[in-house]
Amino acid sequence: MLLLIAVLAFVIMVLFSFVFVGSYTAEREDVSLRLKVLEESREESVTVIDEEMSVSFKNRIATPFFNSISRFFSNFFPSKAITNLNRKLLNANGFYGLNAEQFLGLSFVVGIVLAVIFVDLMVITNKPTSKILTYGLLTFTIGLFLPYVLLEQMIAKRKIALQQELPDVLDLLTVSVEAGLGFDGALVKLSEKMKGQMVDEFTHMLQEIRIGVSRKDALRALADRCNVQDISLFTGALIQADQLGVSISKVLRIQSLDMREKRKQRAEEQGMKAPIKMLFPLVFFIFPALLIVLLGPAVIQMIEIFTKK
């Protein structure tokens, strides 16, 4: 009987120990879990702060500040002016990644910076206030239009490059289509075999067609991006051929010959302009030097003869 009581007491003590230790362990696990959650949340908050601070000063402060300034200045321009500026940026294939609002902000910033520098220099040299204001306004105007001048130069340079590359691009497209490839396949072959701005534009058009844009709309978008008369004529001919069911290979062959002839005519035109362009340096720089070389000894001899008399 005593043995049975002892066994029961031992079992009860063991069960009590398991219950006590289990509850204590569960409580410790609960506390550990809470501490772990708090630590993870703290680490996440610290990680977010670290990520924000790891961003460069340009992306964290300078770019948002510049964008706010750009939006402020763009409010002074009508929507039509913004649309025209966007078209010019599209024709230039972008201006260092700026949109129309940012381009306007850049123009004002350049004008203000140049005006401040020029006014400071005039103040240091003790110029009159009227001259300071006049030249400061003039400098601001020059700085305001300076980005526009650079943009127009980029557009003109790109148009020349597109005109020069178009005949070679059309030759490869013509050969590819006549060899049995479809127009889209010819564009793929073009992107593989050639490089250049015209090839990039056709590659862009191919990507638009692949995402579901119709060929007609993609060709019109190509003409709008380039804003070159030859490209507009080419895209118009392709759209008309597609609508009328004319063979694209024949259209490409005709357009290729036409564009190559136009490039030849432009080269001849530039050659005819060369003598006129050379006239100014010849008259003002080369001819005076030749006269000095040829007549210099004679003038020296005449001076010696007259001095002896």
C-alpha atoms as a PDB file:
ATOM      1  CA  MET A   1       0.000   0.000   0.000  1.00  0.00           C
ATOM      2  CA  LEU A   2       2.791   2.372   0.904  1.00  0.00           C
ATOM      3  CA  LEU A   3       4.551   1.389  -2.317  1.00  0.00           C
ATOM      4  CA  LEU A   4       1.436   2.247  -4.351  1.00  0.00           C
ATOM      5  CA  ILE A   5       1.131   5.607  -2.603  1.00  0.00           C
ATOM      6  CA  ALA A   6       4.796   6.323  -3.288  1.00  0.00           C
ATOM      7  CA  VAL A   7       4.420   5.445  -6.991  1.00  0.00           C
ATOM      8  CA  LEU A   8       1.304   7.633  -7.275  1.00  0.00           C
ATOM      9  CA  ALA A   9       3.104  10.490  -5.537  1.00  0.00           C
ATOM     10  CA  PHE A  10       6.062  10.080  -7.898  1.00  0.00           C
ATOM     11  CA  VAL A  11       3.796  10.093 -10.959  1.00  0.00           C
ATOM     12  CA  ILE A  12       1.933  13.155  -9.662  1.00  0.00           C
ATOM     13  CA  MET A  13       5.224  14.956  -9.035  1.00  0.00           C
ATOM     14  CA  VAL A  14       6.480  14.067 -12.526  1.00  0.00           C
ATOM     15  CA  LEU A  15       3.241  15.270 -14.126  1.00  0.00           C
ATOM     16  CA  PHE A  16       3.322  18.443 -12.046  1.00  0.00           C
ATOM     17  CA  SER A  17       6.930  18.996 -13.064  1.00  0.00           C
ATOM     18  CA  PHE A  18       6.072  18.580 -16.761  1.00  0.00           C
ATOM     19  CA  VAL A  19       3.145  20.989 -16.423  1.00  0.00           C
ATOM     20  CA  PHE A  20       5.225  23.544 -14.527  1.00  0.00           C
ATOM     21  CA  VAL A  21       8.226  23.317 -16.846  1.00  0.00           C
ATOM     22  CA  GLY A  22       5.977  23.341 -19.924  1.00  0.00           C
ATOM     23  CA  SER A  23       4.108  26.431 -18.773  1.00  0.00           C
ATOM     24  CA  TYR A  24       7.378  28.149 -17.884  1.00  0.00           C
ATOM     25  CA  THR A  25       8.914  27.180 -21.226  1.00  0.00           C
ATOM     26  CA  ALA A  26       5.813  28.315 -23.112  1.00  0.00           C
ATOM     27  CA  GLU A  27       5.900  31.624 -21.272  1.00  0.00           C
ATOM     28  CA  ARG A  28       9.584  32.032 -22.102  1.00  0.00           C
ATOM     29  CA  GLU A  29       8.912  31.127 -25.739  1.00  0.00           C
ATOM     30  CA  ASP A  30       6.070  33.664 -25.837  1.00  0.00           C
ATOM     31  CA  VAL A  31       8.329  36.350 -24.400  1.00  0.00           C
ATOM     32  CA  SER A  32      11.116  35.372 -26.804  1.00  0.00           C
ATOM     33  CA  LEU A  33       8.681  35.499 -29.692  1.00  0.00           C
ATOM     34  CA  ARG A  34       7.532  38.966 -28.662  1.00  0.00           C
ATOM     35  CA  LEU A  35      11.106  40.158 -28.293  1.00  0.00           C
ATOM     36  CA  LYS A  36      11.941  38.698 -31.704  1.00  0.00           C
ATOM     37  CA  VAL A  37       8.978  40.492 -33.301  1.00  0.00           C
ATOM     38  CA  LEU A  38      10.014  43.763 -31.658  1.00  0.00           C
ATOM     39  CA  GLU A  39      13.601  43.269 -32.789  1.00  0.00           C
ATOM     40  CA  GLU A  40      12.521  42.511 -36.361  1.00  0.00           C
ATOM     41  CA  SER A  41      10.255  45.569 -36.445  1.00  0.00           C
ATOM     42  CA  ARG A  42      13.119  47.663 -35.102  1.00  0.00           C
ATOM     43  CA  GLU A  43      15.464  46.200 -37.703  1.00  0.00           C
ATOM     44  CA  GLU A  44      12.892  46.877 -40.413  1.00  0.00           C
ATOM     45  CA  SER A  45      12.526  50.501 -39.316  1.00  0.00           C
ATOM     46  CA  VAL A  46      16.286  50.870 -39.169  1.00  0.00           C
ATOM     47  CA  THR A  47      16.546  49.193 -42.576  1.00  0.00           C
ATOM     48  CA  VAL A  48      14.035  51.624 -44.082  1.00  0.00           C
ATOM     49  CA  ILE A  49      15.933  54.571 -42.643  1.00  0.00           C
ATOM     50  CA  ASP A  50      19.217  53.129 -43.880  1.00  0.00           C
ATOM     51  CA  GLU A  51      17.753  52.584 -47.331  1.00  0.00           C
ATOM     52  CA  GLU A  52      16.493  56.162 -47.456  1.00  0.00           C
ATOM     53  CA  MET A  53      19.845  57.511 -46.315  1.00  0.00           C
ATOM     54  CA  SER A  54      21.728  55.270 -48.744  1.00  0.00           C
ATOM     55  CA  VAL A  55      20.025  57.003 -51.678  1.00  0.00           C
ATOM     56  CA  SER A  56      22.280  59.598 -53.262  1.00  0.00           C
ATOM     57  CA  PHE A  57      21.833  63.283 -52.486  1.00  0.00           C
ATOM     58  CA  LYS A  58      20.831  63.841 -56.103  1.00  0.00           C
ATOM     59  CA  ASN A  59      17.876  61.422 -56.007  1.00  0.00           C
ATOM     60  CA  ARG A  60      16.892  62.224 -52.418  1.00  0.00           C
ATOM     61  CA  ILE A  61      16.953  66.047 -52.418  1.00  0.00           C
ATOM     62  CA  ALA A  62      18.250  67.631 -55.628  1.00  0.00           C
ATOM     63  CA  THR A  63      15.931  65.898 -58.111  1.00  0.00           C
ATOM     64  CA  PRO A  64      12.681  66.443 -56.118  1.00  0.00           C
ATOM     65  CA  PHE A  65      13.642  70.080 -55.539  1.00  0.00           C
ATOM     66  CA  PHE A  66      14.396  70.568 -59.233  1.00  0.00           C
ATOM     67  CA  ASN A  67      11.094  68.905 -60.201  1.00  0.00           C
ATOM     68  CA  SER A  68       9.147  71.231 -57.912  1.00  0.00           C
ATOM     69  CA  ILE A  69      10.878  74.256 -59.456  1.00  0.00           C
ATOM     70  CA  SER A  70      10.137  72.904 -62.938  1.00  0.00           C
ATOM     71  CA  ARG A  71       6.444  72.461 -62.157  1.00  0.00           C
ATOM     72  CA  PHE A  72       6.307  76.008 -60.776  1.00  0.00           C
ATOM     73  CA  PHE A  73       7.821  77.596 -63.895  1.00  0.00           C
ATOM     74  CA  SER A  74       5.810  75.404 -66.282  1.00  0.00           C
ATOM     75  CA  ASN A  75       2.601  76.890 -64.865  1.00  0.00           C
ATOM     76  CA  PHE A  76       3.444  80.151 -66.663  1.00  0.00           C
ATOM     77  CA  PHE A  77       3.321  78.464 -70.091  1.00  0.00           C
ATOM     78  CA  PRO A  78       0.198  77.402 -72.014  1.00  0.00           C
ATOM     79  CA  SER A  79      -0.452  73.745 -72.658  1.00  0.00           C
ATOM     80  CA  LYS A  80       0.167  74.233 -76.383  1.00  0.00           C
ATOM     81  CA  ALA A  81       3.716  75.427 -75.678  1.00  0.00           C
ATOM     82  CA  ILE A  82       4.313  72.375 -73.476  1.00  0.00           C
ATOM     83  CA  THR A  83       3.000  70.122 -76.259  1.00  0.00           C
ATOM     84  CA  ASN A  84       5.274  71.724 -78.861  1.00  0.00           C
ATOM     85  CA  LEU A  85       8.244  71.396 -76.519  1.00  0.00           C
ATOM     86  CA  ASN A  86       7.458  67.718 -75.947  1.00  0.00           C
ATOM     87  CA  ARG A  87       7.418  67.233 -79.716  1.00  0.00           C
ATOM     88  CA  LYS A  88      10.808  68.916 -80.057  1.00  0.00           C
ATOM     89  CA  LEU A  89      12.237  66.740 -77.294  1.00  0.00           C
ATOM     90  CA  LEU A  90      10.848  63.713 -79.119  1.00  0.00           C
ATOM     91  CA  ASN A  91      12.456  64.845 -82.384  1.00  0.00           C
ATOM     92  CA  ALA A  92      15.797  65.276 -80.596  1.00  0.00           C
ATOM     93  CA  ASN A  93      15.470  61.786 -79.061  1.00  0.00           C
ATOM     94  CA  GLY A  94      15.456  63.415 -75.633  1.00  0.00           C
ATOM     95  CA  PHE A  95      17.510  66.124 -73.966  1.00  0.00           C
ATOM     96  CA  TYR A  96      19.570  64.342 -71.292  1.00  0.00           C
ATOM     97  CA  GLY A  97      16.474  62.504 -70.074  1.00  0.00           C
ATOM     98  CA  LEU A  98      14.432  65.649 -69.292  1.00  0.00           C
ATOM     99  CA  ASN A  99      10.731  66.054 -69.969  1.00  0.00           C
ATOM    100  CA  ALA A 100       9.112  69.340 -71.023  1.00  0.00           C
ATOM    101  CA  GLU A 101       8.576  70.624 -67.468  1.00  0.00           C
ATOM    102  CA  GLN A 102      12.137  69.784 -66.448  1.00  0.00           C
ATOM    103  CA  PHE A 103      13.488  71.415 -69.608  1.00  0.00           C
ATOM    104  CA  LEU A 104      11.651  74.646 -68.776  1.00  0.00           C
ATOM    105  CA  GLY A 105      12.978  74.484 -65.227  1.00  0.00           C
ATOM    106  CA  LEU A 106      16.503  73.981 -66.560  1.00  0.00           C
ATOM    107  CA  SER A 107      16.135  77.017 -68.828  1.00  0.00           C
ATOM    108  CA  PHE A 108      15.115  79.252 -65.934  1.00  0.00           C
ATOM    109  CA  VAL A 109      17.830  77.865 -63.666  1.00  0.00           C
ATOM    110  CA  VAL A 110      20.524  78.490 -66.301  1.00  0.00           C
ATOM    111  CA  GLY A 111      19.241  82.018 -66.871  1.00  0.00           C
ATOM    112  CA  ILE A 112      19.152  82.819 -63.156  1.00  0.00           C
ATOM    113  CA  VAL A 113      22.615  81.371 -62.498  1.00  0.00           C
ATOM    114  CA  LEU A 114      24.215  83.287 -65.381  1.00  0.00           C
ATOM    115  CA  ALA A 115      22.463  86.502 -64.372  1.00  0.00           C
ATOM    116  CA  VAL A 116      23.576  86.175 -60.740  1.00  0.00           C
ATOM    117  CA  ILE A 117      27.193  85.512 -61.745  1.00  0.00           C
ATOM    118  CA  PHE A 118      27.265  88.449 -64.174  1.00  0.00           C
ATOM    119  CA  VAL A 119      25.590  90.825 -61.706  1.00  0.00           C
ATOM    120  CA  ASP A 120      28.057  89.833 -58.985  1.00  0.00           C
ATOM    121  CA  LEU A 121      30.980  90.571 -61.297  1.00  0.00           C
ATOM    122  CA  MET A 122      29.546  93.974 -62.192  1.00  0.00           C
ATOM    123  CA  VAL A 123      28.900  94.819 -58.539  1.00  0.00           C
ATOM    124  CA  ILE A 124      32.498  93.941 -57.684  1.00  0.00           C
ATOM    125  CA  THR A 125      33.740  96.259 -60.455  1.00  0.00           C
ATOM    126  CA  ASN A 126      31.467  99.105 -59.182  1.00  0.00           C
ATOM    127  CA  LYS A 127      29.360  99.443 -62.326  1.00  0.00           C
ATOM    128  CA  PRO A 128      26.296 101.748 -62.299  1.00  0.00           C
ATOM    129  CA  THR A 129      23.013 100.248 -61.140  1.00  0.00           C
ATOM    130  CA  SER A 130      21.306 100.912 -64.472  1.00  0.00           C
ATOM    131  CA  LYS A 131      23.967  98.942 -66.336  1.00  0.00           C
ATOM    132  CA  ILE A 132      23.820  96.153 -63.764  1.00  0.00           C
ATOM    133  CA  LEU A 133      20.059  95.754 -64.221  1.00  0.00           C
ATOM    134  CA  THR A 134      20.242  96.022 -68.011  1.00  0.00           C
ATOM    135  CA  TYR A 135      23.068  93.541 -68.482  1.00  0.00           C
ATOM    136  CA  GLY A 136      21.651  91.262 -65.794  1.00  0.00           C
ATOM    137  CA  LEU A 137      18.341  91.061 -67.671  1.00  0.00           C
ATOM    138  CA  LEU A 138      20.201  90.503 -70.939  1.00  0.00           C
ATOM    139  CA  THR A 139      22.276  87.709 -69.404  1.00  0.00           C
ATOM    140  CA  PHE A 140      19.147  86.093 -67.958  1.00  0.00           C
ATOM    141  CA  THR A 141      17.531  86.139 -71.409  1.00  0.00           C
ATOM    142  CA  ILE A 142      20.611  84.567 -73.003  1.00  0.00           C
ATOM    143  CA  GLY A 143      20.711  81.837 -70.357  1.00  0.00           C
ATOM    144  CA  LEU A 144      16.974  81.270 -70.756  1.00  0.00           C
ATOM    145  CA  PHE A 145      17.264  80.563 -74.488  1.00  0.00           C
ATOM    146  CA  LEU A 146      20.599  78.736 -74.373  1.00  0.00           C
ATOM    147  CA  PRO A 147      19.024  75.264 -73.791  1.00  0.00           C
ATOM    148  CA  TYR A 148      16.644  75.912 -76.705  1.00  0.00           C
ATOM    149  CA  VAL A 149      19.596  76.649 -78.996  1.00  0.00           C
ATOM    150  CA  LEU A 150      21.283  73.418 -77.913  1.00  0.00           C
ATOM    151  CA  LEU A 151      18.022  71.522 -78.448  1.00  0.00           C
ATOM    152  CA  GLU A 152      17.638  72.870 -81.987  1.00  0.00           C
ATOM    153  CA  GLN A 153      21.229  71.891 -82.760  1.00  0.00           C
ATOM    154  CA  MET A 154      20.566  68.366 -81.510  1.00  0.00           C
ATOM    155  CA  ILE A 155      17.430  68.136 -83.681  1.00  0.00           C
ATOM    156  CA  ALA A 156      19.270  69.375 -86.782  1.00  0.00           C
ATOM    157  CA  LYS A 157      22.186  67.006 -86.202  1.00  0.00           C
ATOM    158  CA  ARG A 158      19.845  64.059 -85.703  1.00  0.00           C
ATOM    159  CA  LYS A 159      17.878  64.864 -88.869  1.00  0.00           C
ATOM    160  CA  ILE A 160      21.083  64.862 -90.901  1.00  0.00           C
ATOM    161  CA  ALA A 161      22.102  61.512 -89.400  1.00  0.00           C
ATOM    162  CA  LEU A 162      18.683  59.993 -90.145  1.00  0.00           C
ATOM    163  CA  GLN A 163      18.763  61.231 -93.735  1.00  0.00           C
ATOM    164  CA  GLN A 164      22.230  59.787 -94.255  1.00  0.00           C
ATOM    165  CA  GLU A 165      21.345  56.380 -92.773  1.00  0.00           C
ATOM    166  CA  LEU A 166      17.927  55.940 -94.398  1.00  0.00           C
ATOM    167  CA  PRO A 167      19.077  54.726 -97.881  1.00  0.00           C
ATOM    168  CA  ASP A 168      21.352  52.031 -96.423  1.00  0.00           C
ATOM    169  CA  VAL A 169      18.604  50.893 -94.054  1.00  0.00           C
ATOM    170  CA  LEU A 170      16.088  50.685 -96.894  1.00  0.00           C
ATOM    171  CA  ASP A 171      18.551  48.679 -98.993  1.00  0.00           C
ATOM    172  CA  LEU A 172      18.822  46.016 -96.297  1.00  0.00           C
ATOM    173  CA  LEU A 173      15.043  45.990 -95.769  1.00  0.00           C
ATOM    174  CA  THR A 174      14.502  45.601 -99.510  1.00  0.00           C
ATOM    175  CA  VAL A 175      16.970  42.724 -99.833  1.00  0.00           C
ATOM    176  CA  SER A 176      15.475  40.966 -96.791  1.00  0.00           C
ATOM    177  CA  VAL A 177      11.885  41.253 -98.026  1.00  0.00           C
ATOM    178  CA  GLU A 178      12.820  40.183-101.566  1.00  0.00           C
ATOM    179  CA  ALA A 179      14.616  37.170-100.060  1.00  0.00           C
ATOM    180  CA  GLY A 180      11.317  35.970 -98.580  1.00  0.00           C
ATOM    181  CA  LEU A 181      11.154  37.536 -95.129  1.00  0.00           C
ATOM    182  CA  GLY A 182       8.096  39.401 -93.956  1.00  0.00           C
ATOM    183  CA  PHE A 183       8.326  43.064 -93.092  1.00  0.00           C
ATOM    184  CA  ASP A 184       8.555  42.320 -89.355  1.00  0.00           C
ATOM    185  CA  GLY A 185      11.217  39.688 -89.996  1.00  0.00           C
ATOM    186  CA  ALA A 186      13.141  42.181 -92.108  1.00  0.00           C
ATOM    187  CA  LEU A 187      13.050  44.629 -89.199  1.00  0.00           C
ATOM    188  CA  VAL A 188      14.469  41.938 -86.911  1.00  0.00           C
ATOM    189  CA  LYS A 189      17.249  41.229 -89.406  1.00  0.00           C
ATOM    190  CA  LEU A 190      17.913  44.974 -89.650  1.00  0.00           C
ATOM    191  CA  SER A 191      18.322  45.311 -85.892  1.00  0.00           C
ATOM    192  CA  GLU A 192      20.782  42.403 -85.908  1.00  0.00           C
ATOM    193  CA  LYS A 193      22.943  43.538 -88.826  1.00  0.00           C
ATOM    194  CA  MET A 194      23.113  47.319 -88.517  1.00  0.00           C
ATOM    195  CA  LYS A 195      23.510  50.022 -85.899  1.00  0.00           C
ATOM    196  CA  GLY A 196      22.561  53.681 -85.874  1.00  0.00           C
ATOM    197  CA  GLN A 197      19.794  56.103 -85.025  1.00  0.00           C
ATOM    198  CA  MET A 198      17.612  55.054 -87.955  1.00  0.00           C
ATOM    199  CA  VAL A 199      17.980  51.407 -86.946  1.00  0.00           C
ATOM    200  CA  ASP A 200      17.027  52.326 -83.375  1.00  0.00           C
ATOM    201  CA  GLU A 201      13.854  53.989 -84.644  1.00  0.00           C
ATOM    202  CA  PHE A 202      12.864  50.937 -86.686  1.00  0.00           C
ATOM    203  CA  THR A 203      13.615  48.721 -83.678  1.00  0.00           C
ATOM    204  CA  HIS A 204      11.341  50.927 -81.587  1.00  0.00           C
ATOM    205  CA  MET A 205       8.634  50.556 -84.223  1.00  0.00           C
ATOM    206  CA  LEU A 206       9.061  46.760 -84.173  1.00  0.00           C
ATOM    207  CA  GLN A 207       8.622  46.720 -80.391  1.00  0.00           C
ATOM    208  CA  GLU A 208       5.418  48.739 -80.727  1.00  0.00           C
ATOM    209  CA  ILE A 209       4.068  46.267 -83.293  1.00  0.00           C
ATOM    210  CA  ARG A 210       4.902  43.347 -80.991  1.00  0.00           C
ATOM    211  CA  ILE A 211       2.907  44.817 -78.096  1.00  0.00           C
ATOM    212  CA  GLY A 212      -0.198  45.179 -80.257  1.00  0.00           C
ATOM    213  CA  VAL A 213       0.092  48.523 -82.050  1.00  0.00           C
ATOM    214  CA  SER A 214      -1.062  48.351 -85.655  1.00  0.00           C
ATOM    215  CA  ARG A 215       1.558  48.746 -88.360  1.00  0.00           C
ATOM    216  CA  LYS A 216      -0.120  51.908 -89.630  1.00  0.00           C
ATOM    217  CA  ASP A 217      -0.024  53.584 -86.215  1.00  0.00           C
ATOM    218  CA  ALA A 218       3.555  52.429 -85.622  1.00  0.00           C
ATOM    219  CA  LEU A 219       4.655  53.914 -88.962  1.00  0.00           C
ATOM    220  CA  ARG A 220       2.927  57.200 -88.183  1.00  0.00           C
ATOM    221  CA  ALA A 221       4.578  57.302 -84.765  1.00  0.00           C
ATOM    222  CA  LEU A 222       7.928  56.696 -86.478  1.00  0.00           C
ATOM    223  CA  ALA A 223       7.345  59.671 -88.773  1.00  0.00           C
ATOM    224  CA  ASP A 224       6.340  61.873 -85.819  1.00  0.00           C
ATOM    225  CA  ARG A 225       9.438  60.932 -83.819  1.00  0.00           C
ATOM    226  CA  CYS A 226      11.844  61.601 -86.678  1.00  0.00           C
ATOM    227  CA  ASN A 227      10.118  64.629 -88.269  1.00  0.00           C
ATOM    228  CA  VAL A 228      12.126  64.144 -91.485  1.00  0.00           C
ATOM    229  CA  GLN A 229      10.427  64.655 -94.839  1.00  0.00           C
ATOM    230  CA  ASP A 230      12.018  61.608 -96.478  1.00  0.00           C
ATOM    231  CA  ILE A 231      10.911  59.353 -93.622  1.00  0.00           C
ATOM    232  CA  SER A 232       7.398  60.807 -93.714  1.00  0.00           C
ATOM    233  CA  LEU A 233       7.191  60.069 -97.455  1.00  0.00           C
ATOM    234  CA  PHE A 234       8.486  56.538 -96.893  1.00  0.00           C
ATOM    235  CA  THR A 235       6.029  55.744 -94.093  1.00  0.00           C
ATOM    236  CA  GLY A 236       3.175  57.255 -96.114  1.00  0.00           C
ATOM    237  CA  ALA A 237       4.037  55.026 -99.075  1.00  0.00           C
ATOM    238  CA  LEU A 238       4.119  51.924 -96.853  1.00  0.00           C
ATOM    239  CA  ILE A 239       0.773  52.785 -95.252  1.00  0.00           C
ATOM    240  CA  GLN A 240      -0.808  53.312 -98.666  1.00  0.00           C
ATOM    241  CA  ALA A 241       0.662  50.068-100.001  1.00  0.00           C
ATOM    242  CA  ASP A 242      -0.647  48.181 -96.971  1.00  0.00           C
ATOM    243  CA  GLN A 243      -4.139  49.612 -97.463  1.00  0.00           C
ATOM    244  CA  LEU A 244      -4.229  48.935-101.218  1.00  0.00           C
ATOM    245  CA  GLY A 245      -2.623  45.506-101.033  1.00  0.00           C
ATOM    246  CA  VAL A 246       0.427  46.452-103.102  1.00  0.00           C
ATOM    247  CA  SER A 247       3.555  44.313-102.737  1.00  0.00           C
ATOM    248  CA  ILE A 248       5.784  45.784-100.032  1.00  0.00           C
ATOM    249  CA  SER A 249       8.932  44.581-101.792  1.00  0.00           C
ATOM    250  CA  LYS A 250       8.156  46.741-104.838  1.00  0.00           C
ATOM    251  CA  VAL A 251       7.446  49.765-102.659  1.00  0.00           C
ATOM    252  CA  LEU A 252      10.675  49.226-100.729  1.00  0.00           C
ATOM    253  CA  ARG A 253      12.671  48.896-103.957  1.00  0.00           C
ATOM    254  CA  ILE A 254      11.232  52.147-105.347  1.00  0.00           C
ATOM    255  CA  GLN A 255      11.725  54.000-102.067  1.00  0.00           C
ATOM    256  CA  SER A 256      15.271  52.688-101.723  1.00  0.00           C
ATOM    257  CA  LEU A 257      16.265  53.950-105.175  1.00  0.00           C
ATOM    258  CA  ASP A 258      14.526  57.262-104.562  1.00  0.00           C
ATOM    259  CA  MET A 259      16.231  57.850-101.191  1.00  0.00           C
ATOM    260  CA  ARG A 260      19.634  56.946-102.603  1.00  0.00           C
ATOM    261  CA  GLU A 261      19.139  59.416-105.454  1.00  0.00           C
ATOM    262  CA  LYS A 262      18.140  62.119-102.976  1.00  0.00           C
ATOM    263  CA  ARG A 263      21.255  61.480-100.908  1.00  0.00           C
ATOM    264  CA  LYS A 264      23.352  61.820-104.049  1.00  0.00           C
ATOM    265  CA  GLN A 265      21.649  65.115-104.884  1.00  0.00           C
ATOM    266  CA  ARG A 266      22.272  66.437-101.370  1.00  0.00           C
ATOM    267  CA  ALA A 267      25.951  65.533-101.661  1.00  0.00           C
ATOM    268  CA  GLU A 268      26.175  67.351-105.001  1.00  0.00           C
ATOM    269  CA  GLU A 269      24.431  70.352-103.479  1.00  0.00           C
ATOM    270  CA  GLN A 270      26.928  70.469-100.627  1.00  0.00           C
ATOM    271  CA  GLY A 271      29.747  70.220-103.145  1.00  0.00           C
ATOM    272  CA  MET A 272      28.374  73.193-105.095  1.00  0.00           C
ATOM    273  CA  LYS A 273      28.214  75.237-101.888  1.00  0.00           C
ATOM    274  CA  ALA A 274      31.846  74.540-100.986  1.00  0.00           C
ATOM    275  CA  PRO A 275      33.441  77.260-103.210  1.00  0.00           C
ATOM    276  CA  ILE A 276      31.121  79.910-101.797  1.00  0.00           C
ATOM    277  CA  LYS A 277      31.907  78.853 -98.249  1.00  0.00           C
ATOM    278  CA  MET A 278      35.630  78.970 -99.011  1.00  0.00           C
ATOM    279  CA  LEU A 279      35.399  82.516-100.393  1.00  0.00           C
ATOM    280  CA  PHE A 280      35.397  84.262 -97.014  1.00  0.00           C
ATOM    281  CA  PRO A 281      38.563  82.628 -95.583  1.00  0.00           C
ATOM    282  CA  LEU A 282      40.304  83.016 -98.957  1.00  0.00           C
ATOM    283  CA  VAL A 283      39.639  86.761 -99.201  1.00  0.00           C
ATOM    284  CA  PHE A 284      40.277  87.704 -95.591  1.00  0.00           C
ATOM    285  CA  PHE A 285      43.006  85.257 -94.522  1.00  0.00           C
ATOM    286  CA  ILE A 286      44.818  83.550 -97.400  1.00  0.00           C
ATOM    287  CA  PHE A 287      45.006  86.335-100.009  1.00  0.00           C
ATOM    288  CA  PRO A 288      46.493  88.941 -97.612  1.00  0.00           C
ATOM    289  CA  ALA A 289      49.194  86.466 -96.601  1.00  0.00           C
ATOM    290  CA  LEU A 290      49.992  85.739-100.272  1.00  0.00           C
ATOM    291  CA  LEU A 291      50.195  89.456-101.065  1.00  0.00           C
ATOM    292  CA  ILE A 292      52.594  89.980 -98.185  1.00  0.00           C
ATOM    293  CA  VAL A 293      54.806  87.121 -99.374  1.00  0.00           C
ATOM    294  CA  LEU A 294      54.782  88.231-103.028  1.00  0.00           C
ATOM    295  CA  LEU A 295      54.929  92.011-102.657  1.00  0.00           C
ATOM    296  CA  GLY A 296      56.977  92.180 -99.459  1.00  0.00           C
ATOM    297  CA  PRO A 297      60.445  91.998-101.115  1.00  0.00           C
ATOM    298  CA  ALA A 298      59.453  94.529-103.796  1.00  0.00           C
ATOM    299  CA  VAL A 299      58.187  96.971-101.175  1.00  0.00           C
ATOM    300  CA  ILE A 300      61.430  96.604 -99.192  1.00  0.00           C
ATOM    301  CA  GLN A 301      63.525  97.307-102.315  1.00  0.00           C
ATOM    302  CA  MET A 302      61.438 100.356-103.184  1.00  0.00           C
ATOM    303  CA  ILE A 303      61.874 101.695 -99.645  1.00  0.00           C
ATOM    304  CA  GLU A 304      65.660 101.216 -99.887  1.00  0.00           C
ATOM    305  CA  ILE A 305      65.800 102.984-103.268  1.00  0.00           C
ATOM    306  CA  PHE A 306      63.849 105.994-102.070  1.00  0.00           C
ATOM    307  CA  THR A 307      65.843 106.251 -98.840  1.00  0.00           C
ATOM    308  CA  LYS A 308      69.159 106.316-100.787  1.00  0.00           C
ATOM    309  CA  LYS A 309      67.968 109.236-102.892  1.00  0.00           C
END
